[in-house]
Amino acid sequence: MRTHLAISSGAAKSLREHIAWAHPWEAVGFLGGAEVATRVFAARSSSSAGRTFQLYRSDIERFAAKARESGEALLAIYHSHPSGVLRLSAEDERAIAHSPWPWVVLTLDQGTLRAQGYRAGDATPFPVALPSLGEPAQHVLERLP
């Protein structure tokens, strides 16, 4: 059961890009890696007015296969809250109860990325370590064609 998650500088850069691109809608995808999240798999999302998201099974299967090919795993589902609020919505709380992965909620405020993790099943919060903006970043954003 996950009690914390660290995100690499390259993954943080990719998350900022995905959130900015998706705004005002929610960005959604998976964080991949071994112990540290080093890859961002940006998903296609069906979003309603930026308030909810849905992951497609085909995307999940493709992301899991890509992670396995490089000896990694899907570590967490991420999605952004354009409102700037890091807590789970009531809809999020219902959905995470059935999720096999922990969730990371992200916000982007004037270029500053903030994150809060939530355990799968019971939605217990856990810390997410983000790199400082000065760290070098390798671009790792992967989108489906």
N, C-alpha and C. Protein backbone atom coordinates (compact mmCIF):
# COMPACT_ATOMS: atom_id res chain seq x y z
N MET A 1 0.85 -1.18 0.00
CA MET A 1 0.00 0.00 0.00
C MET A 1 0.89 1.24 0.00
N ARG A 2 0.69 2.12 -0.95
CA ARG A 2 1.55 3.29 -1.11
C ARG A 2 1.36 4.29 0.02
N THR A 3 2.51 4.77 0.55
CA THR A 3 2.46 5.78 1.62
C THR A 3 3.10 7.09 1.18
N HIS A 4 3.76 7.10 0.01
CA HIS A 4 4.32 8.32 -0.56
C HIS A 4 4.67 8.05 -2.03
N LEU A 5 4.93 9.11 -2.76
CA LEU A 5 5.33 8.99 -4.16
C LEU A 5 6.23 10.16 -4.49
N ALA A 6 7.32 9.88 -5.19
CA ALA A 6 8.21 10.93 -5.69
C ALA A 6 8.05 11.01 -7.20
N ILE A 7 8.09 12.23 -7.71
CA ILE A 7 7.96 12.47 -9.15
C ILE A 7 9.24 13.11 -9.64
N SER A 8 9.84 12.55 -10.70
CA SER A 8 11.09 13.08 -11.24
C SER A 8 10.87 14.45 -11.87
N SER A 9 11.98 15.15 -12.10
CA SER A 9 11.87 16.49 -12.71
C SER A 9 11.32 16.41 -14.13
N GLY A 10 11.71 15.38 -14.89
CA GLY A 10 11.18 15.23 -16.24
C GLY A 10 9.69 14.96 -16.25
N ALA A 11 9.24 14.10 -15.33
CA ALA A 11 7.81 13.81 -15.24
C ALA A 11 7.03 15.04 -14.79
N ALA A 12 7.59 15.81 -13.86
CA ALA A 12 6.92 17.03 -13.40
C ALA A 12 6.77 18.03 -14.55
N LYS A 13 7.80 18.15 -15.37
CA LYS A 13 7.73 19.05 -16.54
C LYS A 13 6.62 18.59 -17.49
N SER A 14 6.56 17.28 -17.72
CA SER A 14 5.53 16.74 -18.60
C SER A 14 4.13 16.94 -18.03
N LEU A 15 3.98 16.80 -16.71
CA LEU A 15 2.69 17.03 -16.07
C LEU A 15 2.26 18.49 -16.25
N ARG A 16 3.19 19.42 -16.04
CA ARG A 16 2.86 20.85 -16.24
C ARG A 16 2.36 21.08 -17.66
N GLU A 17 3.06 20.48 -18.64
CA GLU A 17 2.67 20.64 -20.05
C GLU A 17 1.27 20.07 -20.30
N HIS A 18 1.00 18.88 -19.78
CA HIS A 18 -0.29 18.24 -20.02
C HIS A 18 -1.42 19.03 -19.36
N ILE A 19 -1.21 19.50 -18.15
CA ILE A 19 -2.25 20.27 -17.45
C ILE A 19 -2.53 21.57 -18.19
N ALA A 20 -1.47 22.27 -18.62
CA ALA A 20 -1.65 23.53 -19.35
C ALA A 20 -2.38 23.28 -20.67
N TRP A 21 -2.03 22.20 -21.36
CA TRP A 21 -2.67 21.86 -22.63
C TRP A 21 -4.16 21.55 -22.44
N ALA A 22 -4.50 20.83 -21.37
CA ALA A 22 -5.88 20.40 -21.15
C ALA A 22 -6.78 21.51 -20.60
N HIS A 23 -6.19 22.52 -19.98
CA HIS A 23 -6.99 23.57 -19.33
C HIS A 23 -7.98 24.19 -20.32
N PRO A 24 -9.23 24.41 -19.97
CA PRO A 24 -9.83 24.37 -18.63
C PRO A 24 -10.39 23.01 -18.23
N TRP A 25 -10.10 21.97 -19.01
CA TRP A 25 -10.58 20.62 -18.68
C TRP A 25 -9.57 19.93 -17.78
N GLU A 26 -9.97 18.80 -17.21
CA GLU A 26 -9.06 18.01 -16.39
C GLU A 26 -8.10 17.22 -17.28
N ALA A 27 -6.82 17.27 -16.94
CA ALA A 27 -5.83 16.39 -17.56
C ALA A 27 -5.88 15.07 -16.79
N VAL A 28 -5.72 13.96 -17.49
CA VAL A 28 -5.77 12.65 -16.83
C VAL A 28 -4.79 11.71 -17.50
N GLY A 29 -4.23 10.81 -16.71
CA GLY A 29 -3.31 9.83 -17.25
C GLY A 29 -2.71 8.99 -16.13
N PHE A 30 -1.58 8.37 -16.43
CA PHE A 30 -0.89 7.52 -15.47
C PHE A 30 0.54 7.99 -15.28
N LEU A 31 1.03 7.79 -14.07
CA LEU A 31 2.44 7.97 -13.76
C LEU A 31 3.07 6.59 -13.78
N GLY A 32 4.18 6.47 -14.48
CA GLY A 32 4.86 5.18 -14.58
C GLY A 32 6.28 5.28 -14.08
N GLY A 33 6.84 4.15 -13.72
CA GLY A 33 8.22 4.10 -13.26
C GLY A 33 8.44 2.87 -12.41
N ALA A 34 9.53 2.89 -11.66
CA ALA A 34 9.81 1.80 -10.72
C ALA A 34 9.40 2.27 -9.33
N GLU A 35 10.29 2.91 -8.62
CA GLU A 35 9.94 3.48 -7.31
C GLU A 35 9.53 4.94 -7.45
N VAL A 36 10.22 5.66 -8.34
CA VAL A 36 9.95 7.07 -8.60
C VAL A 36 9.18 7.17 -9.91
N ALA A 37 8.19 8.06 -9.96
CA ALA A 37 7.45 8.29 -11.20
C ALA A 37 8.35 9.05 -12.17
N THR A 38 8.74 8.38 -13.24
CA THR A 38 9.64 8.98 -14.23
C THR A 38 8.99 9.17 -15.59
N ARG A 39 7.79 8.59 -15.78
CA ARG A 39 7.10 8.69 -17.06
C ARG A 39 5.67 9.15 -16.85
N VAL A 40 5.17 9.90 -17.83
CA VAL A 40 3.80 10.39 -17.82
C VAL A 40 3.10 9.85 -19.06
N PHE A 41 2.03 9.12 -18.85
CA PHE A 41 1.22 8.60 -19.93
C PHE A 41 -0.07 9.41 -19.98
N ALA A 42 -0.15 10.36 -20.89
CA ALA A 42 -1.32 11.24 -21.01
C ALA A 42 -2.45 10.50 -21.71
N ALA A 43 -3.59 10.41 -21.07
CA ALA A 43 -4.72 9.67 -21.61
C ALA A 43 -5.69 10.59 -22.35
N ARG A 44 -6.44 9.96 -23.24
CA ARG A 44 -7.60 10.64 -23.81
C ARG A 44 -8.64 10.61 -22.70
N SER A 45 -9.31 11.70 -22.49
CA SER A 45 -10.30 11.73 -21.41
C SER A 45 -11.62 12.22 -21.96
N SER A 46 -12.68 11.57 -21.52
CA SER A 46 -13.98 12.14 -21.79
C SER A 46 -14.31 12.93 -20.55
N SER A 47 -14.34 14.22 -20.70
CA SER A 47 -14.52 15.11 -19.55
C SER A 47 -15.75 15.96 -19.78
N SER A 48 -16.47 16.19 -18.73
CA SER A 48 -17.69 16.99 -18.79
C SER A 48 -17.46 18.30 -18.05
N ALA A 49 -17.30 19.37 -18.81
CA ALA A 49 -17.12 20.70 -18.24
C ALA A 49 -15.99 20.73 -17.23
N GLY A 50 -14.94 19.92 -17.44
CA GLY A 50 -13.79 19.93 -16.56
C GLY A 50 -14.06 19.34 -15.20
N ARG A 51 -15.21 18.69 -15.01
CA ARG A 51 -15.59 18.23 -13.68
C ARG A 51 -15.37 16.75 -13.45
N THR A 52 -15.40 15.94 -14.46
CA THR A 52 -15.21 14.50 -14.29
C THR A 52 -14.33 13.98 -15.42
N PHE A 53 -13.79 12.80 -15.23
CA PHE A 53 -13.01 12.19 -16.29
C PHE A 53 -13.33 10.71 -16.35
N GLN A 54 -13.01 10.11 -17.48
CA GLN A 54 -13.17 8.68 -17.66
C GLN A 54 -11.95 8.18 -18.41
N LEU A 55 -11.32 7.13 -17.89
CA LEU A 55 -10.21 6.50 -18.59
C LEU A 55 -10.74 5.38 -19.46
N TYR A 56 -10.19 5.27 -20.66
CA TYR A 56 -10.60 4.20 -21.56
C TYR A 56 -9.75 2.96 -21.31
N ARG A 57 -10.39 1.80 -21.27
CA ARG A 57 -9.69 0.54 -21.02
C ARG A 57 -8.55 0.34 -22.02
N SER A 58 -8.78 0.69 -23.28
CA SER A 58 -7.74 0.50 -24.30
C SER A 58 -6.50 1.33 -23.97
N ASP A 59 -6.68 2.55 -23.43
CA ASP A 59 -5.54 3.37 -23.03
C ASP A 59 -4.80 2.71 -21.88
N ILE A 60 -5.53 2.23 -20.89
CA ILE A 60 -4.90 1.59 -19.73
C ILE A 60 -4.07 0.40 -20.18
N GLU A 61 -4.61 -0.42 -21.06
CA GLU A 61 -3.89 -1.60 -21.54
C GLU A 61 -2.62 -1.20 -22.30
N ARG A 62 -2.71 -0.17 -23.13
CA ARG A 62 -1.53 0.28 -23.89
C ARG A 62 -0.47 0.86 -22.96
N PHE A 63 -0.90 1.65 -21.98
CA PHE A 63 0.06 2.23 -21.04
C PHE A 63 0.75 1.14 -20.22
N ALA A 64 -0.02 0.15 -19.76
CA ALA A 64 0.55 -0.94 -18.97
C ALA A 64 1.57 -1.72 -19.81
N ALA A 65 1.25 -1.96 -21.07
CA ALA A 65 2.18 -2.68 -21.95
C ALA A 65 3.46 -1.87 -22.17
N LYS A 66 3.34 -0.56 -22.39
CA LYS A 66 4.52 0.28 -22.59
C LYS A 66 5.39 0.29 -21.35
N ALA A 67 4.78 0.37 -20.17
CA ALA A 67 5.55 0.37 -18.93
C ALA A 67 6.27 -0.97 -18.77
N ARG A 68 5.57 -2.07 -19.01
CA ARG A 68 6.18 -3.41 -18.88
C ARG A 68 7.37 -3.58 -19.82
N GLU A 69 7.25 -3.04 -21.04
CA GLU A 69 8.33 -3.16 -22.03
C GLU A 69 9.64 -2.57 -21.51
N SER A 70 9.54 -1.58 -20.66
CA SER A 70 10.75 -0.95 -20.13
C SER A 70 11.03 -1.36 -18.69
N GLY A 71 10.38 -2.43 -18.23
CA GLY A 71 10.63 -2.94 -16.88
C GLY A 71 10.04 -2.08 -15.78
N GLU A 72 9.02 -1.31 -16.12
CA GLU A 72 8.39 -0.41 -15.15
C GLU A 72 6.95 -0.85 -14.90
N ALA A 73 6.26 -0.06 -14.12
CA ALA A 73 4.85 -0.33 -13.82
C ALA A 73 4.07 0.98 -13.82
N LEU A 74 2.76 0.86 -13.88
CA LEU A 74 1.90 2.02 -13.68
C LEU A 74 1.81 2.23 -12.17
N LEU A 75 2.24 3.39 -11.70
CA LEU A 75 2.31 3.66 -10.26
C LEU A 75 1.07 4.33 -9.72
N ALA A 76 0.44 5.19 -10.52
CA ALA A 76 -0.73 5.93 -10.03
C ALA A 76 -1.48 6.55 -11.20
N ILE A 77 -2.75 6.78 -10.99
CA ILE A 77 -3.57 7.60 -11.89
C ILE A 77 -3.39 9.04 -11.45
N TYR A 78 -3.22 9.94 -12.41
CA TYR A 78 -3.22 11.36 -12.05
C TYR A 78 -4.36 12.05 -12.77
N HIS A 79 -4.85 13.09 -12.16
CA HIS A 79 -5.75 14.01 -12.87
C HIS A 79 -5.64 15.38 -12.22
N SER A 80 -5.92 16.38 -13.02
CA SER A 80 -5.80 17.75 -12.52
C SER A 80 -7.16 18.27 -12.09
N HIS A 81 -7.11 19.22 -11.21
CA HIS A 81 -8.30 19.96 -10.80
C HIS A 81 -8.09 21.41 -11.23
N PRO A 82 -8.71 21.83 -12.34
CA PRO A 82 -8.54 23.20 -12.80
C PRO A 82 -8.96 24.25 -11.76
N SER A 83 -9.80 23.85 -10.80
CA SER A 83 -10.24 24.77 -9.75
C SER A 83 -9.12 25.12 -8.78
N GLY A 84 -8.03 24.35 -8.78
CA GLY A 84 -6.93 24.60 -7.86
C GLY A 84 -7.05 23.88 -6.54
N VAL A 85 -8.11 23.12 -6.34
CA VAL A 85 -8.34 22.40 -5.09
C VAL A 85 -7.71 21.01 -5.18
N LEU A 86 -6.91 20.65 -4.18
CA LEU A 86 -6.22 19.36 -4.19
C LEU A 86 -7.01 18.22 -3.57
N ARG A 87 -8.10 18.52 -2.91
CA ARG A 87 -8.85 17.43 -2.26
C ARG A 87 -9.72 16.71 -3.31
N LEU A 88 -10.06 15.46 -2.99
CA LEU A 88 -10.92 14.68 -3.87
C LEU A 88 -12.34 15.23 -3.86
N SER A 89 -12.98 15.21 -5.02
CA SER A 89 -14.39 15.55 -5.10
C SER A 89 -15.20 14.35 -4.62
N ALA A 90 -16.48 14.53 -4.42
CA ALA A 90 -17.35 13.41 -4.04
C ALA A 90 -17.33 12.32 -5.11
N GLU A 91 -17.29 12.73 -6.39
CA GLU A 91 -17.21 11.77 -7.49
C GLU A 91 -15.89 11.00 -7.44
N ASP A 92 -14.79 11.72 -7.15
CA ASP A 92 -13.49 11.08 -7.02
C ASP A 92 -13.49 10.05 -5.90
N GLU A 93 -14.07 10.40 -4.76
CA GLU A 93 -14.10 9.49 -3.61
C GLU A 93 -14.86 8.21 -3.94
N ARG A 94 -15.94 8.33 -4.68
CA ARG A 94 -16.68 7.12 -5.08
C ARG A 94 -15.84 6.26 -6.02
N ALA A 95 -15.16 6.88 -6.96
CA ALA A 95 -14.39 6.13 -7.96
C ALA A 95 -13.13 5.49 -7.38
N ILE A 96 -12.43 6.18 -6.50
CA ILE A 96 -11.17 5.65 -5.96
C ILE A 96 -11.42 4.42 -5.10
N ALA A 97 -12.62 4.29 -4.58
CA ALA A 97 -12.97 3.11 -3.76
C ALA A 97 -12.84 1.83 -4.58
N HIS A 98 -12.92 1.93 -5.92
CA HIS A 98 -12.87 0.76 -6.79
C HIS A 98 -11.60 0.72 -7.64
N SER A 99 -10.67 1.62 -7.38
CA SER A 99 -9.47 1.72 -8.20
C SER A 99 -8.37 0.79 -7.71
N PRO A 100 -7.69 0.11 -8.62
CA PRO A 100 -6.53 -0.70 -8.22
C PRO A 100 -5.27 0.15 -8.03
N TRP A 101 -5.29 1.41 -8.48
CA TRP A 101 -4.13 2.30 -8.38
C TRP A 101 -4.44 3.47 -7.44
N PRO A 102 -3.40 3.96 -6.76
CA PRO A 102 -3.58 5.21 -6.03
C PRO A 102 -3.79 6.35 -7.02
N TRP A 103 -4.27 7.47 -6.51
CA TRP A 103 -4.52 8.64 -7.34
C TRP A 103 -3.63 9.78 -6.89
N VAL A 104 -3.27 10.63 -7.84
CA VAL A 104 -2.57 11.88 -7.55
C VAL A 104 -3.39 13.00 -8.18
N VAL A 105 -3.82 13.94 -7.34
CA VAL A 105 -4.54 15.11 -7.80
C VAL A 105 -3.53 16.24 -7.95
N LEU A 106 -3.58 16.93 -9.09
CA LEU A 106 -2.62 17.97 -9.42
C LEU A 106 -3.31 19.30 -9.68
N THR A 107 -2.62 20.38 -9.35
CA THR A 107 -3.06 21.71 -9.74
C THR A 107 -1.86 22.46 -10.30
N LEU A 108 -2.13 23.41 -11.14
CA LEU A 108 -1.09 24.25 -11.73
C LEU A 108 -1.51 25.69 -11.54
N ASP A 109 -0.74 26.44 -10.75
CA ASP A 109 -1.07 27.83 -10.46
C ASP A 109 0.12 28.69 -10.82
N GLN A 110 0.00 29.45 -11.89
CA GLN A 110 1.06 30.32 -12.39
C GLN A 110 2.38 29.56 -12.53
N GLY A 111 2.29 28.36 -13.11
CA GLY A 111 3.47 27.55 -13.37
C GLY A 111 3.93 26.67 -12.22
N THR A 112 3.33 26.85 -11.04
CA THR A 112 3.72 26.04 -9.89
C THR A 112 2.82 24.81 -9.81
N LEU A 113 3.45 23.65 -9.87
CA LEU A 113 2.74 22.37 -9.79
C LEU A 113 2.60 21.98 -8.32
N ARG A 114 1.39 21.61 -7.93
CA ARG A 114 1.14 21.09 -6.57
C ARG A 114 0.47 19.74 -6.72
N ALA A 115 0.70 18.86 -5.74
CA ALA A 115 0.17 17.49 -5.85
C ALA A 115 -0.20 16.94 -4.48
N GLN A 116 -1.21 16.09 -4.47
CA GLN A 116 -1.62 15.34 -3.28
C GLN A 116 -1.97 13.94 -3.72
N GLY A 117 -1.42 12.94 -3.04
CA GLY A 117 -1.71 11.56 -3.34
C GLY A 117 -2.82 11.02 -2.45
N TYR A 118 -3.53 10.00 -2.96
CA TYR A 118 -4.60 9.33 -2.21
C TYR A 118 -4.49 7.83 -2.46
N ARG A 119 -4.51 7.06 -1.38
CA ARG A 119 -4.42 5.61 -1.49
C ARG A 119 -5.63 5.04 -2.19
N ALA A 120 -5.40 4.00 -2.98
CA ALA A 120 -6.50 3.28 -3.64
C ALA A 120 -7.36 2.63 -2.57
N GLY A 121 -8.65 2.61 -2.80
CA GLY A 121 -9.59 1.95 -1.88
C GLY A 121 -10.15 2.87 -0.84
N ASP A 122 -9.30 3.34 0.08
CA ASP A 122 -9.84 4.12 1.20
C ASP A 122 -9.57 5.63 1.10
N ALA A 123 -8.84 6.07 0.07
CA ALA A 123 -8.59 7.49 -0.20
C ALA A 123 -7.81 8.20 0.92
N THR A 124 -7.01 7.46 1.68
CA THR A 124 -6.17 8.09 2.69
C THR A 124 -5.12 8.94 1.99
N PRO A 125 -4.97 10.22 2.37
CA PRO A 125 -3.98 11.08 1.73
C PRO A 125 -2.54 10.61 2.01
N PHE A 126 -1.66 10.82 1.05
CA PHE A 126 -0.23 10.58 1.25
C PHE A 126 0.54 11.67 0.50
N PRO A 127 1.78 11.96 0.96
CA PRO A 127 2.55 13.03 0.33
C PRO A 127 3.12 12.64 -1.03
N VAL A 128 3.23 13.64 -1.89
CA VAL A 128 3.85 13.48 -3.21
C VAL A 128 5.02 14.46 -3.26
N ALA A 129 6.22 13.95 -3.47
CA ALA A 129 7.42 14.79 -3.54
C ALA A 129 7.63 15.28 -4.97
N LEU A 130 7.64 16.59 -5.11
CA LEU A 130 7.88 17.21 -6.42
C LEU A 130 9.27 17.83 -6.43
N PRO A 131 9.95 17.81 -7.57
CA PRO A 131 11.29 18.41 -7.65
C PRO A 131 11.21 19.93 -7.65
N SER A 132 12.34 20.56 -7.33
CA SER A 132 12.40 22.02 -7.43
C SER A 132 12.45 22.39 -8.90
N LEU A 133 12.05 23.62 -9.21
CA LEU A 133 12.00 24.05 -10.61
C LEU A 133 13.38 24.13 -11.24
N GLY A 134 14.45 24.21 -10.44
CA GLY A 134 15.79 24.36 -10.98
C GLY A 134 16.43 23.07 -11.46
N GLU A 135 15.82 21.93 -11.18
CA GLU A 135 16.43 20.66 -11.57
C GLU A 135 16.31 20.43 -13.08
N PRO A 136 17.34 19.84 -13.70
CA PRO A 136 17.25 19.55 -15.14
C PRO A 136 16.16 18.52 -15.40
N ALA A 137 15.51 18.66 -16.54
CA ALA A 137 14.37 17.78 -16.85
C ALA A 137 14.56 17.13 -18.20
N GLN A 138 14.28 15.85 -18.26
CA GLN A 138 14.23 15.11 -19.52
C GLN A 138 12.76 14.95 -19.86
N HIS A 139 12.39 15.29 -21.08
CA HIS A 139 10.99 15.25 -21.49
C HIS A 139 10.50 13.81 -21.60
N VAL A 140 9.41 13.48 -20.91
CA VAL A 140 8.95 12.09 -20.86
C VAL A 140 7.44 11.94 -21.12
N LEU A 141 6.80 12.96 -21.62
CA LEU A 141 5.36 12.90 -21.88
C LEU A 141 5.07 11.99 -23.07
N GLU A 142 4.18 11.04 -22.86
CA GLU A 142 3.77 10.15 -23.95
C GLU A 142 2.28 10.27 -24.14
N ARG A 143 1.88 10.58 -25.36
CA ARG A 143 0.46 10.66 -25.70
C ARG A 143 0.13 9.56 -26.68
N LEU A 144 -1.10 9.16 -26.66
CA LEU A 144 -1.54 8.18 -27.64
C LEU A 144 -1.71 8.87 -28.98
N PRO A 145 -1.45 8.14 -30.08
CA PRO A 145 -1.59 8.74 -31.41
C PRO A 145 -3.04 9.07 -31.71
